């Protein structure tokens, strides 16, 4: 799966804004962008393009920790990652590129 760079950037900005509003904090678009990049890698390497959100969160946490994202300090939590994934679904559907994710 490839991700169009323009759509990805627009998505990262919009998703960060929506998650920030939804949770009442600040979520940088760079975090969303990183999650989107890792998602593509995980889906491609696993051969599972429909990986459910909970499984994706479990695979993203160690990659984000490895990349230096402050997971252990509680700045980024599995709940936050799941919220980002949810808003990604919304964005891609509105962009005319809905993705199929197992529940």
C-alpha atoms as a PDB file:
ATOM      1  CA  UNK A   1       0.000   0.000   0.000  1.00  0.00           C
ATOM      2  CA  UNK A   2       1.305   3.440  -0.833  1.00  0.00           C
ATOM      3  CA  UNK A   3       0.214   6.703   0.642  1.00  0.00           C
ATOM      4  CA  UNK A   4      -0.095   9.822  -1.519  1.00  0.00           C
ATOM      5  CA  UNK A   5       2.166  12.430   0.126  1.00  0.00           C
ATOM      6  CA  UNK A   6      -0.238  15.346  -0.386  1.00  0.00           C
ATOM      7  CA  UNK A   7      -3.202  13.405   1.008  1.00  0.00           C
ATOM      8  CA  UNK A   8      -1.043  12.145   3.883  1.00  0.00           C
ATOM      9  CA  UNK A   9       0.070  15.667   4.836  1.00  0.00           C
ATOM     10  CA  UNK A  10      -3.429  17.084   4.602  1.00  0.00           C
ATOM     11  CA  UNK A  11      -4.680  14.095   6.601  1.00  0.00           C
ATOM     12  CA  UNK A  12      -2.026  14.424   9.285  1.00  0.00           C
ATOM     13  CA  UNK A  13      -2.869  18.095   9.793  1.00  0.00           C
ATOM     14  CA  UNK A  14      -6.639  17.509   9.906  1.00  0.00           C
ATOM     15  CA  UNK A  15      -6.398  14.417  12.113  1.00  0.00           C
ATOM     16  CA  UNK A  16      -4.075  16.188  14.564  1.00  0.00           C
ATOM     17  CA  UNK A  17      -6.538  19.071  14.779  1.00  0.00           C
ATOM     18  CA  UNK A  18      -9.528  16.761  15.306  1.00  0.00           C
ATOM     19  CA  UNK A  19      -7.791  14.633  17.950  1.00  0.00           C
ATOM     20  CA  UNK A  20      -6.562  17.755  19.721  1.00  0.00           C
ATOM     21  CA  UNK A  21     -10.091  19.149  19.848  1.00  0.00           C
ATOM     22  CA  UNK A  22     -11.624  15.801  20.789  1.00  0.00           C
ATOM     23  CA  UNK A  23      -9.241  15.119  23.676  1.00  0.00           C
ATOM     24  CA  UNK A  24      -8.629  18.705  24.753  1.00  0.00           C
ATOM     25  CA  UNK A  25      -4.863  18.712  24.301  1.00  0.00           C
ATOM     26  CA  UNK A  26      -2.262  19.246  21.603  1.00  0.00           C
ATOM     27  CA  UNK A  27      -1.393  16.474  19.179  1.00  0.00           C
ATOM     28  CA  UNK A  28       1.312  17.397  16.661  1.00  0.00           C
ATOM     29  CA  UNK A  29       0.720  16.511  13.023  1.00  0.00           C
ATOM     30  CA  UNK A  30       4.237  15.035  12.990  1.00  0.00           C
ATOM     31  CA  UNK A  31       3.055  12.301  15.366  1.00  0.00           C
ATOM     32  CA  UNK A  32       0.097  11.518  13.122  1.00  0.00           C
ATOM     33  CA  UNK A  33       2.376  11.486  10.086  1.00  0.00           C
ATOM     34  CA  UNK A  34       4.759   9.067  11.813  1.00  0.00           C
ATOM     35  CA  UNK A  35       1.893   6.768  12.786  1.00  0.00           C
ATOM     36  CA  UNK A  36       0.608   6.802   9.208  1.00  0.00           C
ATOM     37  CA  UNK A  37       4.068   5.907   7.879  1.00  0.00           C
ATOM     38  CA  UNK A  38       4.465   3.065  10.364  1.00  0.00           C
ATOM     39  CA  UNK A  39       0.979   1.782   9.550  1.00  0.00           C
ATOM     40  CA  UNK A  40       1.846   1.395   5.880  1.00  0.00           C
ATOM     41  CA  UNK A  41       5.007  -0.488   6.847  1.00  0.00           C
ATOM     42  CA  UNK A  42       3.141  -2.768   9.289  1.00  0.00           C
ATOM     43  CA  UNK A  43       0.341  -3.541   6.830  1.00  0.00           C
ATOM     44  CA  UNK A  44       2.808  -4.268   4.018  1.00  0.00           C
ATOM     45  CA  UNK A  45       5.159  -6.403   6.126  1.00  0.00           C
ATOM     46  CA  UNK A  46       2.320  -8.399   7.702  1.00  0.00           C
ATOM     47  CA  UNK A  47       0.425  -8.763   4.444  1.00  0.00           C
ATOM     48  CA  UNK A  48      -2.715  -7.768   6.365  1.00  0.00           C
ATOM     49  CA  UNK A  49      -4.222  -4.591   4.911  1.00  0.00           C
ATOM     50  CA  UNK A  50      -7.323  -4.939   7.116  1.00  0.00           C
ATOM     51  CA  UNK A  51      -5.526  -5.168  10.471  1.00  0.00           C
ATOM     52  CA  UNK A  52      -7.871  -4.085  13.263  1.00  0.00           C
ATOM     53  CA  UNK A  53      -7.123  -1.010  15.346  1.00  0.00           C
ATOM     54  CA  UNK A  54      -6.292  -2.831  18.588  1.00  0.00           C
ATOM     55  CA  UNK A  55      -3.742  -5.059  16.834  1.00  0.00           C
ATOM     56  CA  UNK A  56      -2.316  -2.039  15.024  1.00  0.00           C
ATOM     57  CA  UNK A  57      -1.917  -0.152  18.310  1.00  0.00           C
ATOM     58  CA  UNK A  58       0.006  -3.093  19.781  1.00  0.00           C
ATOM     59  CA  UNK A  59       2.355  -3.106  16.778  1.00  0.00           C
ATOM     60  CA  UNK A  60       2.764   0.680  16.727  1.00  0.00           C
ATOM     61  CA  UNK A  61       3.760   1.113  20.397  1.00  0.00           C
ATOM     62  CA  UNK A  62       7.203  -0.544  20.132  1.00  0.00           C
ATOM     63  CA  UNK A  63       7.961   1.194  16.825  1.00  0.00           C
ATOM     64  CA  UNK A  64       7.089   4.573  18.284  1.00  0.00           C
ATOM     65  CA  UNK A  65       9.187   3.864  21.398  1.00  0.00           C
ATOM     66  CA  UNK A  66      12.103   2.857  19.175  1.00  0.00           C
ATOM     67  CA  UNK A  67      11.726   6.134  17.288  1.00  0.00           C
ATOM     68  CA  UNK A  68      11.958   8.136  20.526  1.00  0.00           C
ATOM     69  CA  UNK A  69       8.291   9.009  20.999  1.00  0.00           C
ATOM     70  CA  UNK A  70       7.684   9.556  24.751  1.00  0.00           C
ATOM     71  CA  UNK A  71       5.483   6.526  25.432  1.00  0.00           C
ATOM     72  CA  UNK A  72       6.728   5.671  28.904  1.00  0.00           C
ATOM     73  CA  UNK A  73       6.209   9.209  30.175  1.00  0.00           C
ATOM     74  CA  UNK A  74       2.534   8.960  29.234  1.00  0.00           C
ATOM     75  CA  UNK A  75       2.687  11.708  26.634  1.00  0.00           C
ATOM     76  CA  UNK A  76       1.538   9.255  23.971  1.00  0.00           C
ATOM     77  CA  UNK A  77      -0.727   6.448  25.119  1.00  0.00           C
ATOM     78  CA  UNK A  78      -2.316   3.464  23.388  1.00  0.00           C
ATOM     79  CA  UNK A  79      -5.659   5.263  23.781  1.00  0.00           C
ATOM     80  CA  UNK A  80      -4.313   8.298  21.908  1.00  0.00           C
ATOM     81  CA  UNK A  81      -2.987   6.072  19.127  1.00  0.00           C
ATOM     82  CA  UNK A  82      -6.392   4.371  18.820  1.00  0.00           C
ATOM     83  CA  UNK A  83      -8.081   7.785  18.582  1.00  0.00           C
ATOM     84  CA  UNK A  84      -5.693   8.788  15.797  1.00  0.00           C
ATOM     85  CA  UNK A  85      -6.536   5.571  13.930  1.00  0.00           C
ATOM     86  CA  UNK A  86     -10.257   6.302  14.291  1.00  0.00           C
ATOM     87  CA  UNK A  87      -9.857   9.817  12.903  1.00  0.00           C
ATOM     88  CA  UNK A  88      -7.727   8.425  10.069  1.00  0.00           C
ATOM     89  CA  UNK A  89     -10.675   6.248   9.071  1.00  0.00           C
ATOM     90  CA  UNK A  90     -12.880   9.354   9.045  1.00  0.00           C
ATOM     91  CA  UNK A  91     -10.394  11.336   6.982  1.00  0.00           C
ATOM     92  CA  UNK A  92      -9.843   8.637   4.373  1.00  0.00           C
ATOM     93  CA  UNK A  93     -13.594   8.107   3.998  1.00  0.00           C
ATOM     94  CA  UNK A  94     -14.132  11.849   3.432  1.00  0.00           C
ATOM     95  CA  UNK A  95     -11.230  11.906   0.967  1.00  0.00           C
ATOM     96  CA  UNK A  96     -12.978   9.220  -1.091  1.00  0.00           C
ATOM     97  CA  UNK A  97     -10.433   6.573  -0.095  1.00  0.00           C
ATOM     98  CA  UNK A  98     -12.226   4.556   2.583  1.00  0.00           C
ATOM     99  CA  UNK A  99     -10.198   1.756   4.061  1.00  0.00           C
ATOM    100  CA  UNK A 100     -11.525  -1.564   5.227  1.00  0.00           C
ATOM    101  CA  UNK A 101     -10.475  -2.436   8.763  1.00  0.00           C
ATOM    102  CA  UNK A 102     -11.571  -5.558  10.637  1.00  0.00           C
ATOM    103  CA  UNK A 103     -13.529  -4.823  13.766  1.00  0.00           C
END
